[in-house]
PDB file of N, CA and C in Angstrom:
ATOM      1  N   MET A   1    -103.961-114.325  81.119  1.00  0.00           N
ATOM      2  CA  MET A   1    -104.062-114.388  79.429  1.00  0.00           C
ATOM      3  C   MET A   1    -102.971-113.488  78.870  1.00  0.00           C
ATOM      4  N   LYS A   2    -102.925-112.081  79.519  1.00  0.00           N
ATOM      5  CA  LYS A   2    -101.978-111.435  79.081  1.00  0.00           C
ATOM      6  C   LYS A   2    -100.492-111.815  79.384  1.00  0.00           C
ATOM      7  N   LEU A   3     -99.978-112.720  80.170  1.00  0.00           N
ATOM      8  CA  LEU A   3     -98.863-113.112  80.319  1.00  0.00           C
ATOM      9  C   LEU A   3     -98.649-114.132  79.131  1.00  0.00           C
ATOM     10  N   VAL A   4     -99.683-114.938  78.904  1.00  0.00           N
ATOM     11  CA  VAL A   4     -99.460-115.801  77.675  1.00  0.00           C
ATOM     12  C   VAL A   4     -99.551-115.117  76.535  1.00  0.00           C
ATOM     13  N   LEU A   5    -100.192-113.971  76.216  1.00  0.00           N
ATOM     14  CA  LEU A   5    -100.013-113.312  74.978  1.00  0.00           C
ATOM     15  C   LEU A   5     -98.751-112.731  74.650  1.00  0.00           C
ATOM     16  N   GLY A   6     -98.183-112.266  75.945  1.00  0.00           N
ATOM     17  CA  GLY A   6     -97.001-111.424  75.864  1.00  0.00           C
ATOM     18  C   GLY A   6     -95.738-112.602  75.555  1.00  0.00           C
ATOM     19  N   LEU A   7     -95.876-113.714  76.309  1.00  0.00           N
ATOM     20  CA  LEU A   7     -94.717-114.840  75.741  1.00  0.00           C
ATOM     21  C   LEU A   7     -94.941-115.155  74.371  1.00  0.00           C
ATOM     22  N   VAL A   8     -96.202-115.218  73.629  1.00  0.00           N
ATOM     23  CA  VAL A   8     -95.999-115.818  72.408  1.00  0.00           C
ATOM     24  C   VAL A   8     -95.712-114.682  71.600  1.00  0.00           C
ATOM     25  N   LEU A   9     -95.926-113.530  71.774  1.00  0.00           N
ATOM     26  CA  LEU A   9     -95.560-112.425  71.212  1.00  0.00           C
ATOM     27  C   LEU A   9     -93.761-112.251  71.239  1.00  0.00           C
ATOM     28  N   ALA A  10     -93.378-112.298  72.312  1.00  0.00           N
ATOM     29  CA  ALA A  10     -91.789-112.296  72.486  1.00  0.00           C
ATOM     30  C   ALA A  10     -91.371-113.326  71.647  1.00  0.00           C
ATOM     31  N   THR A  11     -91.936-114.437  71.780  1.00  0.00           N
ATOM     32  CA  THR A  11     -91.114-115.798  71.008  1.00  0.00           C
ATOM     33  C   THR A  11     -91.358-115.586  69.382  1.00  0.00           C
ATOM     34  N   THR A  12     -92.471-115.049  69.251  1.00  0.00           N
ATOM     35  CA  THR A  12     -92.596-114.879  67.430  1.00  0.00           C
ATOM     36  C   THR A  12     -91.574-113.732  66.868  1.00  0.00           C
ATOM     37  N   VAL A  13     -91.434-112.691  67.882  1.00  0.00           N
ATOM     38  CA  VAL A  13     -90.546-111.675  67.629  1.00  0.00           C
ATOM     39  C   VAL A  13     -88.871-112.233  67.441  1.00  0.00           C
ATOM     40  N   ILE A  14     -88.442-112.930  68.402  1.00  0.00           N
ATOM     41  CA  ILE A  14     -87.201-113.537  68.509  1.00  0.00           C
ATOM     42  C   ILE A  14     -86.929-114.406  67.292  1.00  0.00           C
ATOM     43  N   ARG A  15     -87.986-115.734  67.351  1.00  0.00           N
ATOM     44  CA  ARG A  15     -87.817-116.418  66.252  1.00  0.00           C
ATOM     45  C   ARG A  15     -87.772-115.832  64.723  1.00  0.00           C
ATOM     46  N   SER A  16     -88.627-114.895  64.434  1.00  0.00           N
ATOM     47  CA  SER A  16     -88.611-113.990  63.275  1.00  0.00           C
ATOM     48  C   SER A  16     -87.044-113.108  62.931  1.00  0.00           C
ATOM     49  N   SER A  17     -86.632-112.486  63.907  1.00  0.00           N
ATOM     50  CA  SER A  17     -85.505-111.960  63.826  1.00  0.00           C
ATOM     51  C   SER A  17     -84.268-113.116  63.524  1.00  0.00           C
ATOM     52  N   THR A  18     -84.197-113.975  64.052  1.00  0.00           N
ATOM     53  CA  THR A  18     -83.061-115.050  64.088  1.00  0.00           C
ATOM     54  C   THR A  18     -83.257-115.536  62.628  1.00  0.00           C
ATOM     55  N   CYS A  19     -84.534-115.897  61.957  1.00  0.00           N
ATOM     56  CA  CYS A  19     -84.918-116.543  60.810  1.00  0.00           C
ATOM     57  C   CYS A  19     -84.496-115.506  59.893  1.00  0.00           C
ATOM     58  N   SER A  20     -84.768-114.361  60.165  1.00  0.00           N
ATOM     59  CA  SER A  20     -84.688-113.489  58.662  1.00  0.00           C
ATOM     60  C   SER A  20     -83.222-112.807  58.906  1.00  0.00           C
ATOM     61  N   ALA A  21     -82.369-112.512  59.729  1.00  0.00           N
ATOM     62  CA  ALA A  21     -81.155-112.015  59.962  1.00  0.00           C
ATOM     63  C   ALA A  21     -80.133-112.845  59.144  1.00  0.00           C
ATOM     64  N   ASN A  22     -79.278-112.174  58.381  1.00  0.00           N
ATOM     65  CA  ASN A  22     -78.647-112.807  57.681  1.00  0.00           C
ATOM     66  C   ASN A  22     -77.094-112.141  57.584  1.00  0.00           C
ATOM     67  N   LEU A  23     -76.050-113.047  57.166  1.00  0.00           N
ATOM     68  CA  LEU A  23     -74.775-113.020  57.117  1.00  0.00           C
ATOM     69  C   LEU A  23     -74.514-111.855  58.246  1.00  0.00           C
ATOM     70  N   THR A  24     -74.378-112.687  59.489  1.00  0.00           N
ATOM     71  CA  THR A  24     -73.759-112.107  60.479  1.00  0.00           C
ATOM     72  C   THR A  24     -72.109-111.967  60.689  1.00  0.00           C
ATOM     73  N   ASP A  25     -71.491-112.797  59.768  1.00  0.00           N
ATOM     74  CA  ASP A  25     -69.966-112.768  59.669  1.00  0.00           C
ATOM     75  C   ASP A  25     -69.537-111.217  59.644  1.00  0.00           C
ATOM     76  N   PRO A  26     -68.715-110.719  60.210  1.00  0.00           N
ATOM     77  CA  PRO A  26     -68.127-109.506  60.044  1.00  0.00           C
ATOM     78  C   PRO A  26     -67.141-109.538  59.014  1.00  0.00           C
ATOM     79  N   ASN A  27     -66.488-110.393  59.224  1.00  0.00           N
ATOM     80  CA  ASN A  27     -64.883-110.964  58.575  1.00  0.00           C
ATOM     81  C   ASN A  27     -65.265-111.143  56.852  1.00  0.00           C
ATOM     82  N   VAL A  28     -66.573-111.224  56.647  1.00  0.00           N
ATOM     83  CA  VAL A  28     -66.764-111.559  54.917  1.00  0.00           C
ATOM     84  C   VAL A  28     -66.325-110.279  53.995  1.00  0.00           C
ATOM     85  N   ASP A  29     -65.316-110.656  53.107  1.00  0.00           N
ATOM     86  CA  ASP A  29     -65.211-109.441  52.077  1.00  0.00           C
ATOM     87  C   ASP A  29     -66.157-110.020  50.673  1.00  0.00           C
ATOM     88  N   ARG A  30     -67.166-109.435  50.662  1.00  0.00           N
ATOM     89  CA  ARG A  30     -68.098-109.606  49.489  1.00  0.00           C
ATOM     90  C   ARG A  30     -67.442-109.503  48.162  1.00  0.00           C
ATOM     91  N   ASP A  31     -66.583-108.789  47.998  1.00  0.00           N
ATOM     92  CA  ASP A  31     -65.845-108.682  46.681  1.00  0.00           C
ATOM     93  C   ASP A  31     -65.057-109.754  46.334  1.00  0.00           C
ATOM     94  N   ASP A  32     -64.501-110.376  47.219  1.00  0.00           N
ATOM     95  CA  ASP A  32     -63.707-111.513  46.996  1.00  0.00           C
ATOM     96  C   ASP A  32     -64.401-112.908  47.365  1.00  0.00           C
ATOM     97  N   PRO A  33     -63.777-114.157  46.758  1.00  0.00           N
ATOM     98  CA  PRO A  33     -64.449-115.053  46.818  1.00  0.00           C
ATOM     99  C   PRO A  33     -63.851-115.737  48.081  1.00  0.00           C
ATOM    100  N   MET A  34     -64.923-116.400  48.792  1.00  0.00           N
ATOM    101  CA  MET A  34     -65.012-116.833  50.138  1.00  0.00           C
ATOM    102  C   MET A  34     -64.110-118.140  50.249  1.00  0.00           C
ATOM    103  N   LEU A  35     -62.992-118.261  50.857  1.00  0.00           N
ATOM    104  CA  LEU A  35     -62.326-119.662  51.122  1.00  0.00           C
ATOM    105  C   LEU A  35     -63.342-120.378  52.102  1.00  0.00           C
ATOM    106  N   ALA A  36     -63.573-121.812  52.082  1.00  0.00           N
ATOM    107  CA  ALA A  36     -64.389-122.331  52.923  1.00  0.00           C
ATOM    108  C   ALA A  36     -64.146-123.687  53.015  1.00  0.00           C
ATOM    109  N   GLU A  37     -64.455-124.441  54.067  1.00  0.00           N
ATOM    110  CA  GLU A  37     -64.384-125.727  53.832  1.00  0.00           C
ATOM    111  C   GLU A  37     -65.574-126.669  54.218  1.00  0.00           C
ATOM    112  N   VAL A  38     -65.968-127.443  53.295  1.00  0.00           N
ATOM    113  CA  VAL A  38     -67.214-128.023  53.345  1.00  0.00           C
ATOM    114  C   VAL A  38     -67.263-129.127  54.682  1.00  0.00           C
ATOM    115  N   ARG A  39     -68.558-129.032  55.265  1.00  0.00           N
ATOM    116  CA  ARG A  39     -68.479-129.901  56.450  1.00  0.00           C
ATOM    117  C   ARG A  39     -69.988-130.126  56.410  1.00  0.00           C
ATOM    118  N   PHE A  40     -70.410-131.586  56.959  1.00  0.00           N
ATOM    119  CA  PHE A  40     -71.317-132.420  56.963  1.00  0.00           C
ATOM    120  C   PHE A  40     -72.106-132.007  58.598  1.00  0.00           C
ATOM    121  N   VAL A  41     -73.275-131.403  58.802  1.00  0.00           N
ATOM    122  CA  VAL A  41     -73.766-131.236  59.955  1.00  0.00           C
ATOM    123  C   VAL A  41     -74.836-132.200  60.541  1.00  0.00           C
ATOM    124  N   ASN A  42     -74.879-132.642  61.205  1.00  0.00           N
ATOM    125  CA  ASN A  42     -75.806-134.150  61.535  1.00  0.00           C
ATOM    126  C   ASN A  42     -76.947-133.413  62.593  1.00  0.00           C
ATOM    127  N   VAL A  43     -77.833-132.648  61.816  1.00  0.00           N
ATOM    128  CA  VAL A  43     -78.849-131.820  62.392  1.00  0.00           C
ATOM    129  C   VAL A  43     -80.222-132.375  61.599  1.00  0.00           C
ATOM    130  N   GLY A  44     -81.151-133.334  62.303  1.00  0.00           N
ATOM    131  CA  GLY A  44     -82.549-133.663  61.545  1.00  0.00           C
ATOM    132  C   GLY A  44     -81.710-134.923  60.603  1.00  0.00           C
ATOM    133  N   GLY A  45     -82.147-134.602  59.404  1.00  0.00           N
ATOM    134  CA  GLY A  45     -81.508-135.718  58.369  1.00  0.00           C
ATOM    135  C   GLY A  45     -80.097-135.303  57.769  1.00  0.00           C
ATOM    136  N   GLY A  46     -79.645-134.231  58.571  1.00  0.00           N
ATOM    137  CA  GLY A  46     -78.169-133.861  58.099  1.00  0.00           C
ATOM    138  C   GLY A  46     -78.123-132.909  56.971  1.00  0.00           C
ATOM    139  N   CYS A  47     -77.095-131.878  56.872  1.00  0.00           N
ATOM    140  CA  CYS A  47     -77.264-130.821  56.069  1.00  0.00           C
ATOM    141  C   CYS A  47     -75.498-130.680  55.765  1.00  0.00           C
ATOM    142  N   TRP A  48     -75.119-129.880  54.545  1.00  0.00           N
ATOM    143  CA  TRP A  48     -74.015-129.762  54.242  1.00  0.00           C
ATOM    144  C   TRP A  48     -73.952-128.250  54.514  1.00  0.00           C
ATOM    145  N   VAL A  49     -72.957-127.712  55.390  1.00  0.00           N
ATOM    146  CA  VAL A  49     -72.315-126.334  55.459  1.00  0.00           C
ATOM    147  C   VAL A  49     -71.038-125.783  54.956  1.00  0.00           C
ATOM    148  N   LEU A  50     -70.962-124.415  54.712  1.00  0.00           N
ATOM    149  CA  LEU A  50     -69.661-124.075  54.489  1.00  0.00           C
ATOM    150  C   LEU A  50     -68.980-123.312  55.776  1.00  0.00           C
ATOM    151  N   SER A  51     -67.894-123.579  56.068  1.00  0.00           N
ATOM    152  CA  SER A  51     -67.338-122.879  57.347  1.00  0.00           C
ATOM    153  C   SER A  51     -65.928-122.119  57.040  1.00  0.00           C
ATOM    154  N   ASN A  52     -65.701-121.160  57.302  1.00  0.00           N
ATOM    155  CA  ASN A  52     -64.939-120.425  56.586  1.00  0.00           C
ATOM    156  C   ASN A  52     -63.987-120.226  57.920  1.00  0.00           C
ATOM    157  N   LYS A  53     -62.496-119.542  57.635  1.00  0.00           N
ATOM    158  CA  LYS A  53     -61.590-119.735  58.510  1.00  0.00           C
ATOM    159  C   LYS A  53     -61.569-119.065  59.981  1.00  0.00           C
ATOM    160  N   TYR A  54     -62.896-118.171  60.260  1.00  0.00           N
ATOM    161  CA  TYR A  54     -63.102-117.643  61.247  1.00  0.00           C
ATOM    162  C   TYR A  54     -63.944-118.633  62.099  1.00  0.00           C
ATOM    163  N   GLY A  55     -64.415-119.889  61.412  1.00  0.00           N
ATOM    164  CA  GLY A  55     -65.573-120.484  61.953  1.00  0.00           C
ATOM    165  C   GLY A  55     -66.767-120.405  61.868  1.00  0.00           C
ATOM    166  N   HIS A  56     -67.388-119.522  61.209  1.00  0.00           N
ATOM    167  CA  HIS A  56     -68.643-118.733  60.607  1.00  0.00           C
ATOM    168  C   HIS A  56     -69.359-119.936  59.875  1.00  0.00           C
ATOM    169  N   ARG A  57     -70.602-120.307  59.853  1.00  0.00           N
ATOM    170  CA  ARG A  57     -70.965-121.262  58.993  1.00  0.00           C
ATOM    171  C   ARG A  57     -72.069-120.786  58.329  1.00  0.00           C
ATOM    172  N   TYR A  58     -72.042-121.318  57.150  1.00  0.00           N
ATOM    173  CA  TYR A  58     -73.036-120.957  56.054  1.00  0.00           C
ATOM    174  C   TYR A  58     -73.929-122.175  55.611  1.00  0.00           C
ATOM    175  N   GLU A  59     -74.787-122.054  55.213  1.00  0.00           N
ATOM    176  CA  GLU A  59     -75.962-122.903  54.757  1.00  0.00           C
ATOM    177  C   GLU A  59     -76.335-122.635  53.287  1.00  0.00           C
ATOM    178  N   PRO A  60     -75.480-123.248  52.492  1.00  0.00           N
ATOM    179  CA  PRO A  60     -75.815-123.403  50.689  1.00  0.00           C
ATOM    180  C   PRO A  60     -77.011-123.588  50.452  1.00  0.00           C
ATOM    181  N   MET A  61     -77.839-123.142  49.503  1.00  0.00           N
ATOM    182  CA  MET A  61     -78.670-123.634  48.926  1.00  0.00           C
ATOM    183  C   MET A  61     -78.115-124.397  47.797  1.00  0.00           C
ATOM    184  N   GLN A  62     -78.588-125.580  47.574  1.00  0.00           N
ATOM    185  CA  GLN A  62     -78.220-126.127  46.487  1.00  0.00           C
ATOM    186  C   GLN A  62     -76.964-126.707  46.076  1.00  0.00           C
ATOM    187  N   LEU A  63     -76.352-127.116  47.327  1.00  0.00           N
ATOM    188  CA  LEU A  63     -74.423-127.236  46.945  1.00  0.00           C
ATOM    189  C   LEU A  63     -74.407-128.676  46.042  1.00  0.00           C
ATOM    190  N   PRO A  64     -73.872-128.350  44.864  1.00  0.00           N
ATOM    191  CA  PRO A  64     -73.569-129.318  43.879  1.00  0.00           C
ATOM    192  C   PRO A  64     -73.211-130.723  44.512  1.00  0.00           C
ATOM    193  N   ASP A  65     -73.636-132.002  44.115  1.00  0.00           N
ATOM    194  CA  ASP A  65     -73.073-133.136  44.625  1.00  0.00           C
ATOM    195  C   ASP A  65     -71.648-133.226  44.658  1.00  0.00           C
ATOM    196  N   GLU A  66     -71.091-132.872  43.530  1.00  0.00           N
ATOM    197  CA  GLU A  66     -69.733-133.145  43.519  1.00  0.00           C
ATOM    198  C   GLU A  66     -68.776-132.368  44.667  1.00  0.00           C
ATOM    199  N   PHE A  67     -69.461-131.325  45.035  1.00  0.00           N
ATOM    200  CA  PHE A  67     -68.594-130.672  46.571  1.00  0.00           C
ATOM    201  C   PHE A  67     -69.004-131.242  47.897  1.00  0.00           C
ATOM    202  N   LYS A  68     -69.918-132.125  47.671  1.00  0.00           N
ATOM    203  CA  LYS A  68     -70.158-132.806  49.109  1.00  0.00           C
ATOM    204  C   LYS A  68     -69.328-133.922  49.562  1.00  0.00           C
ATOM    205  N   GLN A  69     -68.188-133.367  50.042  1.00  0.00           N
ATOM    206  CA  GLN A  69     -66.947-134.067  50.541  1.00  0.00           C
ATOM    207  C   GLN A  69     -66.546-133.170  51.843  1.00  0.00           C
ATOM    208  N   GLU A  70     -66.808-134.038  52.865  1.00  0.00           N
ATOM    209  CA  GLU A  70     -66.356-133.467  54.095  1.00  0.00           C
ATOM    210  C   GLU A  70     -64.933-133.166  53.948  1.00  0.00           C
ATOM    211  N   GLY A  71     -64.466-131.703  54.552  1.00  0.00           N
ATOM    212  CA  GLY A  71     -63.321-131.369  54.192  1.00  0.00           C
ATOM    213  C   GLY A  71     -62.782-130.538  53.556  1.00  0.00           C
ATOM    214  N   LEU A  72     -63.590-130.890  52.242  1.00  0.00           N
ATOM    215  CA  LEU A  72     -63.005-130.169  50.882  1.00  0.00           C
ATOM    216  C   LEU A  72     -63.130-128.725  51.207  1.00  0.00           C
ATOM    217  N   GLN A  73     -61.993-128.315  50.604  1.00  0.00           N
ATOM    218  CA  GLN A  73     -61.459-126.733  50.781  1.00  0.00           C
ATOM    219  C   GLN A  73     -62.122-126.196  49.307  1.00  0.00           C
ATOM    220  N   VAL A  74     -62.732-125.004  49.351  1.00  0.00           N
ATOM    221  CA  VAL A  74     -63.628-124.589  48.344  1.00  0.00           C
ATOM    222  C   VAL A  74     -63.690-122.958  48.298  1.00  0.00           C
ATOM    223  N   LEU A  75     -63.699-122.166  47.043  1.00  0.00           N
ATOM    224  CA  LEU A  75     -63.750-120.847  46.822  1.00  0.00           C
ATOM    225  C   LEU A  75     -65.088-120.637  46.281  1.00  0.00           C
ATOM    226  N   VAL A  76     -65.778-119.856  47.284  1.00  0.00           N
ATOM    227  CA  VAL A  76     -67.409-119.658  46.698  1.00  0.00           C
ATOM    228  C   VAL A  76     -67.731-118.271  46.742  1.00  0.00           C
ATOM    229  N   ARG A  77     -68.214-117.863  45.827  1.00  0.00           N
ATOM    230  CA  ARG A  77     -68.767-116.717  45.475  1.00  0.00           C
ATOM    231  C   ARG A  77     -70.445-116.642  45.530  1.00  0.00           C
ATOM    232  N   TYR A  78     -71.310-116.129  46.517  1.00  0.00           N
ATOM    233  CA  TYR A  78     -72.537-116.440  47.009  1.00  0.00           C
ATOM    234  C   TYR A  78     -73.337-115.074  46.783  1.00  0.00           C
ATOM    235  N   ARG A  79     -74.858-115.219  47.278  1.00  0.00           N
ATOM    236  CA  ARG A  79     -75.532-114.152  47.514  1.00  0.00           C
ATOM    237  C   ARG A  79     -76.301-114.587  48.566  1.00  0.00           C
ATOM    238  N   SER A  80     -76.417-113.564  49.632  1.00  0.00           N
ATOM    239  CA  SER A  80     -77.176-113.580  50.795  1.00  0.00           C
ATOM    240  C   SER A  80     -78.571-114.000  50.633  1.00  0.00           C
ATOM    241  N   ARG A  81     -79.359-114.925  51.291  1.00  0.00           N
ATOM    242  CA  ARG A  81     -80.679-115.152  51.296  1.00  0.00           C
ATOM    243  C   ARG A  81     -81.408-114.914  52.675  1.00  0.00           C
ATOM    244  N   GLY A  82     -81.432-113.852  52.969  1.00  0.00           N
ATOM    245  CA  GLY A  82     -82.038-113.476  54.156  1.00  0.00           C
ATOM    246  C   GLY A  82     -83.471-113.888  53.984  1.00  0.00           C
ATOM    247  N   ASP A  83     -84.211-114.202  52.922  1.00  0.00           N
ATOM    248  CA  ASP A  83     -85.563-114.014  52.583  1.00  0.00           C
ATOM    249  C   ASP A  83     -85.913-115.892  52.771  1.00  0.00           C
ATOM    250  N   VAL A  84     -85.291-116.629  53.170  1.00  0.00           N
ATOM    251  CA  VAL A  84     -85.133-118.116  52.980  1.00  0.00           C
ATOM    252  C   VAL A  84     -84.781-118.552  54.383  1.00  0.00           C
ATOM    253  N   GLY A  85     -85.541-119.521  55.177  1.00  0.00           N
ATOM    254  CA  GLY A  85     -85.274-119.991  55.946  1.00  0.00           C
ATOM    255  C   GLY A  85     -84.238-121.268  56.290  1.00  0.00           C
ATOM    256  N   SER A  86     -83.581-121.425  57.265  1.00  0.00           N
ATOM    257  CA  SER A  86     -82.548-122.378  57.523  1.00  0.00           C
ATOM    258  C   SER A  86     -83.037-123.684  57.560  1.00  0.00           C
ATOM    259  N   VAL A  87     -82.389-124.830  57.341  1.00  0.00           N
ATOM    260  CA  VAL A  87     -83.044-125.954  57.388  1.00  0.00           C
ATOM    261  C   VAL A  87     -81.945-126.656  58.666  1.00  0.00           C
ATOM    262  N   CYS A  88     -80.815-126.292  58.548  1.00  0.00           N
ATOM    263  CA  CYS A  88     -79.660-126.612  59.398  1.00  0.00           C
ATOM    264  C   CYS A  88     -79.617-125.638  60.843  1.00  0.00           C
ATOM    265  N   GLN A  89     -80.737-124.703  60.856  1.00  0.00           N
ATOM    266  CA  GLN A  89     -80.438-123.965  62.113  1.00  0.00           C
ATOM    267  C   GLN A  89     -79.618-122.889  62.326  1.00  0.00           C
ATOM    268  N   LEU A  90     -79.161-122.348  60.821  1.00  0.00           N
ATOM    269  CA  LEU A  90     -77.956-121.535  60.817  1.00  0.00           C
ATOM    270  C   LEU A  90     -78.660-120.332  60.464  1.00  0.00           C
ATOM    271  N   ARG A  91     -77.889-119.187  60.869  1.00  0.00           N
ATOM    272  CA  ARG A  91     -78.657-117.865  60.599  1.00  0.00           C
ATOM    273  C   ARG A  91     -78.286-117.440  59.151  1.00  0.00           C
ATOM    274  N   ASP A  92     -77.312-117.973  58.395  1.00  0.00           N
ATOM    275  CA  ASP A  92     -76.702-117.328  57.279  1.00  0.00           C
ATOM    276  C   ASP A  92     -77.080-118.295  56.123  1.00  0.00           C
ATOM    277  N   VAL A  93     -78.028-118.425  55.139  1.00  0.00           N
ATOM    278  CA  VAL A  93     -78.192-118.992  54.089  1.00  0.00           C
ATOM    279  C   VAL A  93     -77.830-118.391  52.855  1.00  0.00           C
ATOM    280  N   ILE A  94     -77.283-119.046  52.249  1.00  0.00           N
ATOM    281  CA  ILE A  94     -76.652-118.435  51.074  1.00  0.00           C
ATOM    282  C   ILE A  94     -76.805-119.078  49.397  1.00  0.00           C
ATOM    283  N   GLU A  95     -76.891-118.539  48.402  1.00  0.00           N
ATOM    284  CA  GLU A  95     -77.338-118.861  46.923  1.00  0.00           C
ATOM    285  C   GLU A  95     -75.769-118.985  46.546  1.00  0.00           C
ATOM    286  N   ILE A  96     -75.377-120.118  46.130  1.00  0.00           N
ATOM    287  CA  ILE A  96     -73.992-120.155  45.692  1.00  0.00           C
ATOM    288  C   ILE A  96     -74.194-119.558  43.996  1.00  0.00           C
ATOM    289  N   GLU A  97     -73.386-118.608  43.586  1.00  0.00           N
ATOM    290  CA  GLU A  97     -73.016-117.895  42.423  1.00  0.00           C
ATOM    291  C   GLU A  97     -71.978-118.815  41.510  1.00  0.00           C
ATOM    292  N   GLU A  98     -70.624-119.112  42.243  1.00  0.00           N
ATOM    293  CA  GLU A  98     -69.703-119.843  41.557  1.00  0.00           C
ATOM    294  C   GLU A  98     -69.229-120.639  42.906  1.00  0.00           C
ATOM    295  N   ILE A  99     -68.698-121.802  42.441  1.00  0.00           N
ATOM    296  CA  ILE A  99     -68.057-122.473  43.396  1.00  0.00           C
ATOM    297  C   ILE A  99     -66.915-123.323  42.679  1.00  0.00           C
ATOM    298  N   GLU A 100     -65.667-123.504  43.318  1.00  0.00           N
ATOM    299  CA  GLU A 100     -64.554-124.122  42.850  1.00  0.00           C
ATOM    300  C   GLU A 100     -63.813-124.907  43.671  1.00  0.00           C
ATOM    301  N   THR A 101     -62.912-125.794  43.821  1.00  0.00           N
ATOM    302  CA  THR A 101     -61.938-126.770  44.597  1.00  0.00           C
ATOM    303  C   THR A 101     -60.952-125.662  44.822  1.00  0.00           C
ATOM    304  N   ALA A 102     -60.261-125.517  45.746  1.00  0.00           N
ATOM    305  CA  ALA A 102     -59.549-124.330  45.983  1.00  0.00           C
ATOM    306  C   ALA A 102     -58.068-124.927  46.232  1.00  0.00           C
ATOM    307  N   ASP A 103     -57.190-124.651  45.817  1.00  0.00           N
ATOM    308  CA  ASP A 103     -55.989-125.184  45.404  1.00  0.00           C
ATOM    309  C   ASP A 103     -54.745-124.556  46.851  1.00  0.00           C
ATOM    310  N   VAL A 104     -55.066-125.608  48.061  1.00  0.00           N
ATOM    311  CA  VAL A 104     -54.680-125.170  49.302  1.00  0.00           C
ATOM    312  C   VAL A 104     -53.245-125.555  49.153  1.00  0.00           C
ATOM    313  N   SER A 105     -52.594-125.917  48.323  1.00  0.00           N
ATOM    314  CA  SER A 105     -51.060-126.555  48.438  1.00  0.00           C
ATOM    315  C   SER A 105     -50.597-125.455  47.953  1.00  0.00           C
ATOM    316  N   ALA A 106     -50.703-124.468  47.477  1.00  0.00           N
ATOM    317  CA  ALA A 106     -50.028-123.186  47.207  1.00  0.00           C
ATOM    318  C   ALA A 106     -49.849-122.620  48.307  1.00  0.00           C
ATOM    319  N   ASN A 107     -50.648-122.484  49.532  1.00  0.00           N
ATOM    320  CA  ASN A 107     -50.200-121.909  51.169  1.00  0.00           C
ATOM    321  C   ASN A 107     -49.278-122.410  51.718  1.00  0.00           C
TER     322      ASN A 107
END
């Protein structure tokens, strides 16, 4: 019985730490907009994510429909939402404050 309770407690601690941790990417400069690529991930019913140049993925809350285009480069300002669970099973859920299409032809 003690073993079962110990396993339940350990599982609960691990799950709560992975769901509540947020913005685990050390490469993000929060003062500048992040350059990211919009990607569709086929998890469950599928979801849209933003992937930065380091490959770190973020789950945006309410990505506007006009930005739901596979491979679209965007500049995004966001706010971390560690209080929200991830539908896509990602650690970093973000709330978009500003988003625009990036002009990648200048690079």
